[in-house]
Amino acid sequence: MENITISDFEKIDLRIAVVKAVHPHPKSNKMIVLVLDAGDKEVQILAGLKQYYTEKDLLGKRIVYVANLEPKIIGGLESNGMILAADDCVHKPLILTTFEGEMKSGAKAK
């Protein structure tokens, strides 16, 4: 893997958001549509989580997402960011990066 500089890393805007709604993607068996409460706005992100998480698992979770990722159209729907998760985990194939406790939606992760 190629190293990046601190200035490269500083370009990434990591934010905290609460999962407000979860919908199936109409054209994908793997993707779901997440609507995030990002504080001053709602953000729609498409994620390949359908086989790992149910709507109940995700609603209300405080997650970390990349807020300044260029939007991308996937199966006709726009995704406006990317959530952080880890794979190759011991007890689950994929685990979301989450935060516990009281934290404002839209707070910057550092």
N, C-alpha and C. Protein backbone atom coordinates (compact mmCIF):
# COMPACT_ATOMS: atom_id res chain seq x y z
N MET A 1 0.84 -1.17 0.00
CA MET A 1 0.00 0.00 0.00
C MET A 1 0.89 1.24 0.00
N GLU A 2 0.48 2.22 -0.76
CA GLU A 2 1.24 3.47 -0.88
C GLU A 2 1.00 4.38 0.32
N ASN A 3 2.06 4.97 0.85
CA ASN A 3 1.93 5.93 1.95
C ASN A 3 1.36 7.25 1.45
N ILE A 4 0.64 7.93 2.33
CA ILE A 4 0.17 9.28 2.03
C ILE A 4 0.82 10.23 3.02
N THR A 5 0.78 11.50 2.69
CA THR A 5 1.36 12.51 3.57
C THR A 5 0.30 13.00 4.56
N ILE A 6 0.75 13.70 5.57
CA ILE A 6 -0.17 14.32 6.53
C ILE A 6 -1.10 15.27 5.80
N SER A 7 -0.59 16.01 4.84
CA SER A 7 -1.46 16.95 4.10
C SER A 7 -2.52 16.20 3.30
N ASP A 8 -2.20 15.00 2.79
CA ASP A 8 -3.21 14.18 2.12
C ASP A 8 -4.30 13.79 3.11
N PHE A 9 -3.88 13.32 4.29
CA PHE A 9 -4.84 12.90 5.31
C PHE A 9 -5.71 14.05 5.79
N GLU A 10 -5.13 15.23 5.91
CA GLU A 10 -5.89 16.40 6.37
C GLU A 10 -7.00 16.80 5.41
N LYS A 11 -6.94 16.33 4.18
CA LYS A 11 -8.00 16.62 3.20
C LYS A 11 -9.27 15.82 3.48
N ILE A 12 -9.15 14.73 4.22
CA ILE A 12 -10.29 13.86 4.48
C ILE A 12 -11.10 14.44 5.64
N ASP A 13 -12.37 14.69 5.39
CA ASP A 13 -13.26 15.25 6.40
C ASP A 13 -14.10 14.12 6.99
N LEU A 14 -13.67 13.60 8.15
CA LEU A 14 -14.39 12.54 8.84
C LEU A 14 -15.38 13.16 9.80
N ARG A 15 -16.64 12.75 9.71
CA ARG A 15 -17.70 13.31 10.54
C ARG A 15 -18.49 12.21 11.22
N ILE A 16 -19.15 12.59 12.31
CA ILE A 16 -20.04 11.70 13.04
C ILE A 16 -21.46 11.97 12.55
N ALA A 17 -22.23 10.92 12.34
CA ALA A 17 -23.62 11.07 11.94
C ALA A 17 -24.44 9.95 12.57
N VAL A 18 -25.73 10.18 12.69
CA VAL A 18 -26.64 9.18 13.21
C VAL A 18 -27.47 8.62 12.06
N VAL A 19 -27.57 7.30 12.00
CA VAL A 19 -28.37 6.66 10.95
C VAL A 19 -29.84 6.92 11.27
N LYS A 20 -30.48 7.68 10.40
CA LYS A 20 -31.87 8.10 10.57
C LYS A 20 -32.87 7.18 9.86
N ALA A 21 -32.44 6.62 8.72
CA ALA A 21 -33.31 5.73 7.94
C ALA A 21 -32.45 4.78 7.13
N VAL A 22 -33.02 3.61 6.84
CA VAL A 22 -32.35 2.59 6.04
C VAL A 22 -33.37 2.05 5.04
N HIS A 23 -32.97 1.99 3.77
CA HIS A 23 -33.85 1.48 2.72
C HIS A 23 -33.07 0.51 1.85
N PRO A 24 -33.75 -0.48 1.28
CA PRO A 24 -33.06 -1.34 0.32
C PRO A 24 -32.77 -0.55 -0.96
N HIS A 25 -31.69 -0.87 -1.61
CA HIS A 25 -31.40 -0.25 -2.91
C HIS A 25 -32.26 -0.97 -3.95
N PRO A 26 -33.00 -0.23 -4.77
CA PRO A 26 -33.93 -0.88 -5.70
C PRO A 26 -33.28 -1.72 -6.79
N LYS A 27 -31.98 -1.51 -7.04
CA LYS A 27 -31.33 -2.23 -8.14
C LYS A 27 -30.14 -3.08 -7.70
N SER A 28 -30.00 -3.32 -6.40
CA SER A 28 -28.84 -4.07 -5.93
C SER A 28 -29.22 -5.03 -4.81
N ASN A 29 -28.67 -6.22 -4.85
CA ASN A 29 -28.88 -7.20 -3.78
C ASN A 29 -27.91 -7.02 -2.62
N LYS A 30 -26.88 -6.20 -2.80
CA LYS A 30 -25.87 -6.00 -1.77
C LYS A 30 -25.93 -4.63 -1.12
N MET A 31 -26.47 -3.65 -1.83
CA MET A 31 -26.43 -2.27 -1.36
C MET A 31 -27.68 -1.90 -0.55
N ILE A 32 -27.46 -1.00 0.41
CA ILE A 32 -28.58 -0.36 1.10
C ILE A 32 -28.38 1.15 1.02
N VAL A 33 -29.46 1.86 1.24
CA VAL A 33 -29.44 3.32 1.22
C VAL A 33 -29.56 3.78 2.67
N LEU A 34 -28.57 4.52 3.13
CA LEU A 34 -28.59 5.07 4.48
C LEU A 34 -28.87 6.56 4.41
N VAL A 35 -29.78 7.03 5.24
CA VAL A 35 -30.01 8.46 5.38
C VAL A 35 -29.44 8.83 6.74
N LEU A 36 -28.47 9.74 6.72
CA LEU A 36 -27.76 10.13 7.93
C LEU A 36 -28.16 11.52 8.40
N ASP A 37 -28.31 11.67 9.70
CA ASP A 37 -28.46 12.98 10.32
C ASP A 37 -27.05 13.48 10.58
N ALA A 38 -26.61 14.43 9.78
CA ALA A 38 -25.25 14.95 9.87
C ALA A 38 -25.22 16.31 10.53
N GLY A 39 -26.18 16.59 11.38
CA GLY A 39 -26.22 17.87 12.09
C GLY A 39 -27.00 18.90 11.33
N ASP A 40 -26.33 19.63 10.46
CA ASP A 40 -26.99 20.70 9.72
C ASP A 40 -27.62 20.24 8.41
N LYS A 41 -27.51 18.94 8.10
CA LYS A 41 -28.07 18.42 6.85
C LYS A 41 -28.29 16.91 6.95
N GLU A 42 -29.06 16.39 6.01
CA GLU A 42 -29.20 14.95 5.85
C GLU A 42 -28.29 14.53 4.70
N VAL A 43 -27.69 13.36 4.85
CA VAL A 43 -26.77 12.85 3.84
C VAL A 43 -27.22 11.45 3.44
N GLN A 44 -27.26 11.19 2.14
CA GLN A 44 -27.59 9.86 1.64
C GLN A 44 -26.30 9.16 1.22
N ILE A 45 -26.10 7.96 1.77
CA ILE A 45 -24.93 7.17 1.43
C ILE A 45 -25.38 5.77 1.05
N LEU A 46 -24.83 5.25 -0.02
CA LEU A 46 -25.10 3.88 -0.44
C LEU A 46 -23.94 3.02 0.06
N ALA A 47 -24.27 1.88 0.64
CA ALA A 47 -23.24 1.02 1.22
C ALA A 47 -23.56 -0.45 0.99
N GLY A 48 -22.53 -1.24 0.77
CA GLY A 48 -22.69 -2.68 0.55
C GLY A 48 -22.79 -3.44 1.86
N LEU A 49 -23.83 -3.15 2.61
CA LEU A 49 -24.00 -3.73 3.96
C LEU A 49 -25.17 -4.69 4.09
N LYS A 50 -25.91 -4.90 3.01
CA LYS A 50 -27.15 -5.65 3.10
C LYS A 50 -26.97 -7.05 3.70
N GLN A 51 -25.90 -7.71 3.38
CA GLN A 51 -25.69 -9.08 3.89
C GLN A 51 -25.17 -9.10 5.32
N TYR A 52 -24.78 -7.94 5.86
CA TYR A 52 -24.19 -7.88 7.19
C TYR A 52 -25.10 -7.28 8.26
N TYR A 53 -25.96 -6.33 7.86
CA TYR A 53 -26.75 -5.58 8.83
C TYR A 53 -28.21 -5.47 8.40
N THR A 54 -29.10 -5.48 9.39
CA THR A 54 -30.52 -5.23 9.14
C THR A 54 -30.81 -3.76 9.43
N GLU A 55 -31.98 -3.33 9.03
CA GLU A 55 -32.40 -1.96 9.34
C GLU A 55 -32.36 -1.73 10.85
N LYS A 56 -32.85 -2.70 11.61
CA LYS A 56 -32.88 -2.58 13.07
C LYS A 56 -31.47 -2.43 13.65
N ASP A 57 -30.49 -3.15 13.08
CA ASP A 57 -29.10 -3.06 13.54
C ASP A 57 -28.54 -1.65 13.36
N LEU A 58 -28.97 -0.97 12.31
CA LEU A 58 -28.34 0.29 11.92
C LEU A 58 -29.02 1.55 12.45
N LEU A 59 -30.34 1.51 12.60
CA LEU A 59 -31.06 2.71 13.02
C LEU A 59 -30.55 3.22 14.37
N GLY A 60 -30.25 4.51 14.40
CA GLY A 60 -29.80 5.15 15.63
C GLY A 60 -28.32 5.03 15.91
N LYS A 61 -27.58 4.25 15.11
CA LYS A 61 -26.13 4.11 15.32
C LYS A 61 -25.42 5.42 14.99
N ARG A 62 -24.43 5.76 15.81
CA ARG A 62 -23.54 6.88 15.52
C ARG A 62 -22.35 6.31 14.76
N ILE A 63 -22.22 6.74 13.52
CA ILE A 63 -21.17 6.19 12.67
C ILE A 63 -20.21 7.29 12.23
N VAL A 64 -19.09 6.87 11.67
CA VAL A 64 -18.11 7.79 11.08
C VAL A 64 -18.24 7.68 9.57
N TYR A 65 -18.28 8.85 8.90
CA TYR A 65 -18.33 8.82 7.45
C TYR A 65 -17.41 9.88 6.86
N VAL A 66 -17.01 9.65 5.62
CA VAL A 66 -16.20 10.62 4.88
C VAL A 66 -17.17 11.61 4.26
N ALA A 67 -17.12 12.85 4.75
CA ALA A 67 -18.11 13.85 4.35
C ALA A 67 -17.76 14.58 3.06
N ASN A 68 -16.51 14.56 2.66
CA ASN A 68 -16.12 15.33 1.47
C ASN A 68 -15.71 14.45 0.29
N LEU A 69 -16.25 13.25 0.24
CA LEU A 69 -15.99 12.38 -0.89
C LEU A 69 -16.85 12.84 -2.07
N GLU A 70 -16.29 12.83 -3.24
CA GLU A 70 -17.03 13.23 -4.43
C GLU A 70 -18.27 12.35 -4.59
N PRO A 71 -19.45 12.95 -4.85
CA PRO A 71 -20.67 12.14 -5.03
C PRO A 71 -20.52 11.15 -6.18
N LYS A 72 -21.21 10.01 -6.04
CA LYS A 72 -21.16 8.99 -7.08
C LYS A 72 -22.56 8.42 -7.27
N ILE A 73 -22.93 8.20 -8.52
CA ILE A 73 -24.21 7.57 -8.86
C ILE A 73 -23.99 6.06 -8.93
N ILE A 74 -24.77 5.33 -8.14
CA ILE A 74 -24.68 3.87 -8.11
C ILE A 74 -26.09 3.31 -8.34
N GLY A 75 -26.29 2.66 -9.45
CA GLY A 75 -27.61 2.10 -9.75
C GLY A 75 -28.71 3.15 -9.81
N GLY A 76 -28.36 4.34 -10.27
CA GLY A 76 -29.34 5.41 -10.42
C GLY A 76 -29.55 6.27 -9.20
N LEU A 77 -28.91 5.94 -8.07
CA LEU A 77 -29.04 6.75 -6.86
C LEU A 77 -27.69 7.37 -6.52
N GLU A 78 -27.74 8.57 -5.94
CA GLU A 78 -26.52 9.28 -5.59
C GLU A 78 -26.05 8.94 -4.18
N SER A 79 -24.76 8.66 -4.05
CA SER A 79 -24.13 8.45 -2.75
C SER A 79 -23.24 9.65 -2.47
N ASN A 80 -23.37 10.21 -1.26
CA ASN A 80 -22.66 11.44 -0.91
C ASN A 80 -21.69 11.24 0.24
N GLY A 81 -20.91 10.19 0.17
CA GLY A 81 -19.93 9.93 1.21
C GLY A 81 -19.66 8.45 1.29
N MET A 82 -18.89 8.08 2.31
CA MET A 82 -18.57 6.68 2.53
C MET A 82 -18.46 6.45 4.03
N ILE A 83 -19.07 5.36 4.49
CA ILE A 83 -18.97 5.05 5.91
C ILE A 83 -17.71 4.23 6.16
N LEU A 84 -17.20 4.29 7.38
CA LEU A 84 -16.00 3.53 7.74
C LEU A 84 -16.39 2.23 8.42
N ALA A 85 -15.73 1.16 8.03
CA ALA A 85 -15.97 -0.16 8.60
C ALA A 85 -14.67 -0.95 8.52
N ALA A 86 -14.62 -2.03 9.28
CA ALA A 86 -13.46 -2.93 9.26
C ALA A 86 -13.91 -4.31 8.83
N ASP A 87 -13.09 -4.96 8.02
CA ASP A 87 -13.40 -6.35 7.66
C ASP A 87 -12.34 -7.27 8.24
N ASP A 88 -12.48 -8.55 8.01
CA ASP A 88 -11.60 -9.56 8.60
C ASP A 88 -11.63 -9.52 10.12
N CYS A 89 -12.80 -9.26 10.68
CA CYS A 89 -12.96 -9.19 12.13
C CYS A 89 -13.14 -10.60 12.69
N VAL A 90 -12.92 -10.77 13.96
CA VAL A 90 -12.94 -12.08 14.60
C VAL A 90 -14.34 -12.70 14.61
N HIS A 91 -15.36 -11.94 15.03
CA HIS A 91 -16.70 -12.51 15.21
C HIS A 91 -17.71 -12.15 14.14
N LYS A 92 -17.39 -11.19 13.30
CA LYS A 92 -18.28 -10.75 12.24
C LYS A 92 -17.45 -10.43 11.01
N PRO A 93 -18.00 -10.63 9.82
CA PRO A 93 -17.20 -10.33 8.63
C PRO A 93 -16.97 -8.83 8.41
N LEU A 94 -17.84 -7.98 8.97
CA LEU A 94 -17.71 -6.54 8.76
C LEU A 94 -18.28 -5.82 9.98
N ILE A 95 -17.53 -4.87 10.51
CA ILE A 95 -17.99 -4.11 11.67
C ILE A 95 -17.87 -2.62 11.37
N LEU A 96 -18.95 -1.88 11.61
CA LEU A 96 -18.95 -0.44 11.39
C LEU A 96 -18.12 0.27 12.45
N THR A 97 -17.53 1.38 12.06
CA THR A 97 -16.85 2.25 13.01
C THR A 97 -17.92 3.12 13.65
N THR A 98 -18.15 2.93 14.95
CA THR A 98 -19.22 3.65 15.64
C THR A 98 -18.67 4.38 16.85
N PHE A 99 -19.49 5.27 17.40
CA PHE A 99 -19.16 5.98 18.62
C PHE A 99 -20.29 5.79 19.61
N GLU A 100 -19.95 5.69 20.86
CA GLU A 100 -20.94 5.62 21.92
C GLU A 100 -20.93 6.93 22.68
N GLY A 101 -22.01 7.20 23.38
CA GLY A 101 -22.08 8.40 24.19
C GLY A 101 -22.70 9.56 23.44
N GLU A 102 -22.86 10.64 24.15
CA GLU A 102 -23.48 11.84 23.58
C GLU A 102 -22.48 12.59 22.72
N MET A 103 -22.87 12.82 21.49
CA MET A 103 -22.03 13.51 20.54
C MET A 103 -22.93 14.17 19.50
N LYS A 104 -22.65 15.38 19.15
CA LYS A 104 -23.45 16.08 18.16
C LYS A 104 -23.28 15.45 16.79
N SER A 105 -24.39 15.30 16.08
CA SER A 105 -24.29 14.90 14.68
C SER A 105 -23.54 15.98 13.92
N GLY A 106 -22.67 15.57 13.05
CA GLY A 106 -21.87 16.52 12.27
C GLY A 106 -20.54 16.84 12.93
N ALA A 107 -20.30 16.34 14.16
CA ALA A 107 -19.04 16.60 14.84
C ALA A 107 -17.90 16.02 14.01
N LYS A 108 -16.78 16.71 14.02
CA LYS A 108 -15.61 16.26 13.27
C LYS A 108 -14.87 15.19 14.05
N ALA A 109 -14.58 14.07 13.39
CA ALA A 109 -13.79 13.00 14.01
C ALA A 109 -12.32 13.34 13.79
N LYS A 110 -11.52 13.12 14.82
CA LYS A 110 -10.09 13.45 14.73
C LYS A 110 -9.26 12.27 15.16
